[in-house]
Protein backbone atom coordinates (compact mmCIF):
# COMPACT_ATOMS: atom_id res chain seq x y z
CA UNK A 1 150.96 60.82 74.65
CA UNK A 2 154.69 61.07 74.65
CA UNK A 3 154.66 63.81 77.28
CA UNK A 4 152.38 66.13 75.31
CA UNK A 5 149.49 67.90 76.98
CA UNK A 6 146.21 68.81 75.29
CA UNK A 7 144.61 71.89 76.86
CA UNK A 8 141.36 73.33 75.51
CA UNK A 9 138.75 75.89 76.47
CA UNK A 10 135.19 75.73 75.20
CA UNK A 11 132.53 78.46 74.92
CA UNK A 12 130.29 79.35 77.83
CA UNK A 13 127.30 77.08 78.33
CA UNK A 14 124.81 79.60 76.91
CA UNK A 15 126.88 81.25 74.15
CA UNK A 16 126.66 79.80 70.63
CA UNK A 17 129.77 80.41 68.52
CA UNK A 18 127.68 80.17 65.37
CA UNK A 19 124.79 82.44 66.39
CA UNK A 20 127.33 84.77 68.08
CA UNK A 21 125.07 85.46 71.04
CA UNK A 22 123.54 83.96 74.14
CA UNK A 23 120.79 81.57 73.17
CA UNK A 24 118.25 79.17 74.66
CA UNK A 25 119.69 75.68 74.90
CA UNK A 26 118.95 72.14 75.99
CA UNK A 27 121.40 69.83 77.75
CA UNK A 28 122.48 66.19 77.67
CA UNK A 29 124.73 64.38 80.13
CA UNK A 30 127.24 61.95 78.62
CA UNK A 31 129.52 59.56 80.55
CA UNK A 32 133.05 58.98 79.23
CA UNK A 33 133.67 55.24 79.43
CA UNK A 34 137.42 55.12 80.13
CA UNK A 35 137.24 57.37 83.19
CA UNK A 36 133.50 57.26 84.03
CA UNK A 37 133.49 61.07 84.23
CA UNK A 38 130.30 62.88 83.25
CA UNK A 39 130.20 65.78 80.78
CA UNK A 40 127.44 68.17 79.79
CA UNK A 41 126.60 68.63 76.11
CA UNK A 42 124.46 71.65 75.25
CA UNK A 43 122.58 72.31 72.02
CA UNK A 44 121.62 75.71 70.66
CA UNK A 45 117.86 75.89 70.15
CA UNK A 46 118.24 78.26 67.19
CA UNK A 47 120.87 76.71 64.89
CA UNK A 48 121.08 73.23 66.45
CA UNK A 49 124.85 73.31 67.04
CA UNK A 50 125.94 71.29 70.06
CA UNK A 51 129.10 71.58 72.13
CA UNK A 52 130.69 69.86 75.10
CA UNK A 53 131.06 72.18 78.08
CA UNK A 54 134.61 72.11 79.48
CA UNK A 55 136.29 74.25 82.14
CA UNK A 56 139.05 76.70 81.12
CA UNK A 57 142.35 75.06 80.11
CA UNK A 58 140.86 71.59 80.46
CA UNK A 59 143.49 68.83 80.08
CA UNK A 60 142.35 66.27 77.51
CA UNK A 61 145.52 64.17 77.69
CA UNK A 62 144.05 61.43 79.95
CA UNK A 63 141.28 60.88 77.40
CA UNK A 64 143.75 60.09 74.61
CA UNK A 65 145.86 57.24 76.04
CA UNK A 66 148.21 55.63 73.55
CA UNK A 67 145.99 52.54 73.30
CA UNK A 68 143.33 54.88 71.86
CA UNK A 69 145.41 54.74 68.66
CA UNK A 70 145.77 50.97 68.75
CA UNK A 71 148.18 48.22 69.70
CA UNK A 72 150.96 47.83 67.11
CA UNK A 73 148.85 50.02 64.84
CA UNK A 74 145.81 47.76 65.35
CA UNK A 75 142.73 48.73 67.33
CA UNK A 76 140.24 45.90 66.87
CA UNK A 77 139.76 42.18 66.37
CA UNK A 78 141.23 41.00 62.99
CA UNK A 79 137.77 40.41 61.49
CA UNK A 80 136.75 43.96 62.36
CA UNK A 81 140.09 45.21 61.01
CA UNK A 82 139.31 43.60 57.66
CA UNK A 83 135.96 45.40 57.51
CA UNK A 84 137.59 48.70 58.48
CA UNK A 85 140.18 48.27 55.73
CA UNK A 86 137.42 47.68 53.17
CA UNK A 87 135.51 50.80 54.19
CA UNK A 88 138.69 52.92 54.15
CA UNK A 89 139.46 51.74 50.63
CA UNK A 90 135.91 52.60 49.61
CA UNK A 91 136.60 56.19 50.68
CA UNK A 92 139.48 56.33 48.23
CA UNK A 93 137.29 54.93 45.45
CA UNK A 94 134.74 57.68 46.09
CA UNK A 95 137.47 60.32 45.84
CA UNK A 96 138.90 58.86 42.63
CA UNK A 97 135.48 58.92 40.98
CA UNK A 98 135.55 62.70 41.42
CA UNK A 99 139.25 63.32 40.74
CA UNK A 100 141.19 60.43 39.13
CA UNK A 101 144.58 61.66 40.36
CA UNK A 102 145.90 64.57 42.40
CA UNK A 103 147.31 65.70 45.74
CA UNK A 104 145.48 65.07 49.01
CA UNK A 105 145.85 66.02 52.66
CA UNK A 106 144.07 63.71 55.10
CA UNK A 107 143.74 65.51 58.43
CA UNK A 108 143.90 62.96 61.25
CA UNK A 109 144.95 60.20 58.86
CA UNK A 110 145.34 57.50 61.53
CA UNK A 111 146.90 54.40 59.99
CA UNK A 112 146.58 55.80 56.48
CA UNK A 113 144.47 52.97 55.07
CA UNK A 114 142.71 55.34 52.66
CA UNK A 115 145.96 57.06 51.68
CA UNK A 116 147.57 53.69 50.95
CA UNK A 117 144.96 52.96 48.28
CA UNK A 118 145.24 56.45 46.81
CA UNK A 119 149.02 56.21 46.64
CA UNK A 120 148.74 52.91 44.78
CA UNK A 121 146.72 54.80 42.19
CA UNK A 122 149.25 57.57 41.66
CA UNK A 123 148.12 60.17 44.21
CA UNK A 124 150.53 62.46 46.02
CA UNK A 125 149.54 61.85 49.65
CA UNK A 126 150.06 63.82 52.86
CA UNK A 127 148.67 63.28 56.34
CA UNK A 128 148.54 64.81 59.80
CA UNK A 129 148.17 63.00 63.11
CA UNK A 130 148.40 64.12 66.72
CA UNK A 131 149.99 60.94 68.11
CA UNK A 132 153.75 60.81 67.35
CA UNK A 133 153.67 57.00 67.47
CA UNK A 134 150.75 56.74 65.04
CA UNK A 135 152.27 59.33 62.70
CA UNK A 136 155.65 57.60 62.64
CA UNK A 137 154.12 54.19 61.98
CA UNK A 138 151.98 55.48 59.11
CA UNK A 139 154.83 57.47 57.58
CA UNK A 140 157.19 54.47 57.68
CA UNK A 141 154.67 51.99 56.28
CA UNK A 142 153.43 54.21 53.44
CA UNK A 143 156.58 56.28 52.88
CA UNK A 144 154.61 59.52 52.87
CA UNK A 145 154.93 62.72 54.94
CA UNK A 146 152.78 62.62 58.08
CA UNK A 147 152.99 65.76 60.21
CA UNK A 148 152.70 65.44 63.99
CA UNK A 149 150.38 68.34 64.75
CA UNK A 150 146.86 69.34 65.76
CA UNK A 151 147.21 72.61 63.80
CA UNK A 152 147.63 72.23 60.04
CA UNK A 153 148.72 75.87 59.77
CA UNK A 154 151.99 74.81 61.41
CA UNK A 155 152.73 72.62 58.36
CA UNK A 156 153.14 75.81 56.25
CA UNK A 157 151.75 74.40 53.02
CA UNK A 158 151.74 76.67 49.97
CA UNK A 159 148.57 78.43 48.83
CA UNK A 160 146.47 76.26 46.53
CA UNK A 161 148.64 73.19 47.13
CA UNK A 162 146.00 70.45 47.39
CA UNK A 163 143.26 69.10 45.16
CA UNK A 164 141.49 67.44 48.11
CA UNK A 165 141.49 67.89 51.88
CA UNK A 166 139.60 65.33 53.95
CA UNK A 167 138.54 65.17 57.59
CA UNK A 168 137.00 61.80 58.40
CA UNK A 169 135.57 61.95 61.93
CA UNK A 170 138.08 64.63 62.84
CA UNK A 171 136.14 67.90 62.52
CA UNK A 172 134.13 67.20 65.68
CA UNK A 173 137.41 66.90 67.64
CA UNK A 174 138.53 70.41 66.67
CA UNK A 175 137.91 73.22 69.20
CA UNK A 176 138.37 76.05 66.64
CA UNK A 177 136.48 74.95 63.49
CA UNK A 178 136.50 78.38 61.82
CA UNK A 179 140.29 78.61 62.01
CA UNK A 180 140.93 75.25 60.40
CA UNK A 181 138.38 75.93 57.64
CA UNK A 182 140.11 79.18 56.75
CA UNK A 183 143.45 77.37 56.55
CA UNK A 184 141.96 74.58 54.44
CA UNK A 185 140.46 77.17 52.09
CA UNK A 186 143.92 78.72 51.69
CA UNK A 187 145.74 75.48 50.87
CA UNK A 188 143.07 74.12 48.52
CA UNK A 189 143.21 74.88 44.82
CA UNK A 190 140.33 76.95 43.40
CA UNK A 191 137.36 74.57 43.22
CA UNK A 192 139.37 72.11 45.29
CA UNK A 193 137.35 69.50 47.18
CA UNK A 194 136.76 69.39 50.93
CA UNK A 195 135.32 66.21 52.46
CA UNK A 196 133.98 66.32 56.01
CA UNK A 197 132.33 63.39 57.78
CA UNK A 198 130.95 63.80 61.32
CA UNK A 199 128.28 62.29 63.58
CA UNK A 200 124.84 63.79 62.94
CA UNK A 201 123.33 65.32 66.09
CA UNK A 202 120.00 65.61 64.23
CA UNK A 203 119.93 61.84 63.65
CA UNK A 204 117.23 59.44 64.81
CA UNK A 205 119.75 57.48 66.88
CA UNK A 206 120.82 60.64 68.71
CA UNK A 207 117.16 61.53 69.30
CA UNK A 208 116.40 58.09 70.74
CA UNK A 209 119.51 57.59 72.88
CA UNK A 210 119.99 61.21 74.04
CA UNK A 211 122.93 61.29 76.50
CA UNK A 212 123.66 57.60 75.81
CA UNK A 213 124.25 58.13 72.09
CA UNK A 214 127.58 56.48 71.31
CA UNK A 215 128.73 59.26 68.99
CA UNK A 216 128.57 62.01 71.63
CA UNK A 217 131.94 60.67 72.83
CA UNK A 218 132.58 63.52 75.26
CA UNK A 219 134.99 65.14 75.93
CA UNK A 220 136.86 64.07 72.77
CA UNK A 221 134.09 65.47 70.58
CA UNK A 222 134.02 69.22 71.13
CA UNK A 223 131.26 70.18 68.69
CA UNK A 224 128.22 68.23 67.50
CA UNK A 225 126.87 69.07 64.05
CA UNK A 226 123.78 68.66 61.91
CA UNK A 227 123.06 69.28 58.22
CA UNK A 228 121.83 72.81 58.87
CA UNK A 229 124.66 74.17 61.01
CA UNK A 230 127.47 72.38 59.19
CA UNK A 231 126.30 73.91 55.91
CA UNK A 232 126.24 77.36 57.54
CA UNK A 233 129.77 77.12 58.93
CA UNK A 234 131.20 75.83 55.63
CA UNK A 235 129.55 78.53 53.54
CA UNK A 236 130.66 81.22 55.99
CA UNK A 237 134.28 80.17 55.48
CA UNK A 238 134.55 80.09 51.70
CA UNK A 239 133.01 76.77 50.63
CA UNK A 240 130.13 75.82 48.39
CA UNK A 241 128.36 72.64 49.51
CA UNK A 242 127.99 70.15 46.65
CA UNK A 243 126.33 67.24 48.43
CA UNK A 244 125.22 66.09 51.88
CA UNK A 245 124.20 62.58 52.88
CA UNK A 246 123.49 60.73 56.11
CA UNK A 247 123.76 57.14 54.86
CA UNK A 248 126.85 55.38 56.21
CA UNK A 249 127.23 51.61 55.93
CA UNK A 250 130.44 51.90 57.93
CA UNK A 251 129.15 53.62 61.09
CA UNK A 252 125.39 54.11 60.74
CA UNK A 253 123.87 50.70 61.63
CA UNK A 254 126.49 50.05 64.32
CA UNK A 255 125.86 53.45 65.90
CA UNK A 256 122.12 52.76 66.01
CA UNK A 257 122.69 49.26 67.45
CA UNK A 258 125.07 50.33 70.19
CA UNK A 259 122.98 53.38 71.08
CA UNK A 260 119.86 51.23 71.46
CA UNK A 261 121.75 48.73 73.62
CA UNK A 262 123.04 51.58 75.77
CA UNK A 263 119.43 52.21 76.78
CA UNK A 264 119.01 48.67 78.10
CA UNK A 265 122.41 47.65 79.48
CA UNK A 266 124.37 49.29 82.33
CA UNK A 267 127.71 48.76 80.57
CA UNK A 268 127.79 51.46 77.90
CA UNK A 269 129.34 50.89 74.45
CA UNK A 270 130.14 47.28 75.36
CA UNK A 271 130.18 45.98 71.77
CA UNK A 272 132.77 48.57 70.83
CA UNK A 273 135.00 47.52 73.71
CA UNK A 274 134.52 43.82 72.98
CA UNK A 275 135.80 44.42 69.47
CA UNK A 276 138.95 46.10 70.73
CA UNK A 277 142.06 44.10 69.95
CA UNK A 278 143.90 44.98 73.19
CA UNK A 279 142.47 43.09 76.20
CA UNK A 280 142.06 45.21 79.29
CA UNK A 281 139.58 45.83 82.07
CA UNK A 282 136.77 48.33 81.76
CA UNK A 283 134.85 48.05 85.04
CA UNK A 284 133.78 44.39 85.12
CA UNK A 285 134.03 43.86 81.36
CA UNK A 286 137.21 42.45 79.83
CA UNK A 287 137.65 43.68 76.27
CA UNK A 288 139.08 41.62 73.49
CA UNK A 289 137.14 38.59 72.28
CA UNK A 290 137.72 35.51 70.17
CA UNK A 291 136.02 35.19 66.80
CA UNK A 292 133.69 32.58 68.27
CA UNK A 293 132.59 34.88 71.06
CA UNK A 294 132.00 37.71 68.62
CA UNK A 295 129.89 35.50 66.36
CA UNK A 296 127.90 34.23 69.36
CA UNK A 297 127.35 37.80 70.50
CA UNK A 298 126.03 38.89 67.11
CA UNK A 299 123.77 35.82 66.96
CA UNK A 300 122.27 36.67 70.35
CA UNK A 301 121.85 40.28 69.32
CA UNK A 302 120.40 39.49 65.88
CA UNK A 303 116.93 40.92 66.71
CA UNK A 304 118.55 44.19 67.81
CA UNK A 305 120.75 44.17 64.71
CA UNK A 306 117.79 43.75 62.36
CA UNK A 307 115.79 46.51 64.05
CA UNK A 308 118.84 48.79 64.05
CA UNK A 309 119.45 48.32 60.34
CA UNK A 310 115.82 49.01 59.45
CA UNK A 311 115.68 52.10 61.66
CA UNK A 312 118.99 53.49 60.43
CA UNK A 313 118.37 53.01 56.72
CA UNK A 314 114.87 54.43 57.07
CA UNK A 315 116.23 57.43 58.97
CA UNK A 316 118.92 57.96 56.33
CA UNK A 317 116.23 58.32 53.66
CA UNK A 318 114.87 61.26 55.67
CA UNK A 319 118.25 62.89 56.31
CA UNK A 320 118.25 61.58 59.88
CA UNK A 321 121.00 58.95 59.60
CA UNK A 322 123.68 58.82 62.28
CA UNK A 323 126.60 59.99 60.13
CA UNK A 324 126.76 63.14 58.03
CA UNK A 325 129.08 63.36 55.01
CA UNK A 326 129.52 66.69 53.26
CA UNK A 327 131.41 67.34 50.04
CA UNK A 328 132.15 71.00 49.33
CA UNK A 329 134.29 73.02 46.93
CA UNK A 330 136.49 76.02 47.65
CA UNK A 331 135.14 79.22 46.10
């Protein structure tokens, strides 16, 4: 990543940062698909918080190759890209229903698809991104400031500067969640809105797939949250939770489908890699597929798809969907 190195240190295997003491725990073993390295994920038996166990000063750089951010700012097959663009725009519509116009910081903004829609509707948009290439591309395309940083405190925003701060599938990548929440609380206006979306460790798909759950994604995901412990950590850092939901049309059914398939096929997460736009080798499987091959694949998998949708939507009604979205206000 342009010569940068990502070094992190996680808590001890039996020490929960939320409970602030040694606790009983259970473990999962998750295999990272790019390198085939195995990582241990532990879960506190008191609050339910999970974390990936890493050695001191662990170098994450090999797990964020530049293709992780996409080829020419594209990551998937064009059909999948169209769907992604629709779902990103739907995020902006949700925000505008709450606040018609304002100033937003999107932490880990990626290609800025959501910010593009907000800017079209008069929003003052800012983003952060760790990859210099991704940040530059987004900044040039949207003509907005995108800061190259993993620490938003380094941006030195004024107190109470933003109406909304969002972290879409970013919070689980952050090794110091309390620190970033304190900074977000500082830069949000009073009663400003915080949006956090993360995988739900308490979900049915996580329960079924265990260490083969696609959203464990170790070691990139440091912490693994549920409704209970995410609410605790937000309230402890100056936020009042307004709503929590586990229904996600964007990631929920797919997460259930791929997690179920991971139980039956030796090649893990193979649908995800087939959808990737950049063709490369992952063991014996070449990623990148024509539209015809993708349609054939989904036809062959249609029984799995139907079962996955029924399971996921049923689980979501019980708060056990695969993706957790929380909307909170600064107090």
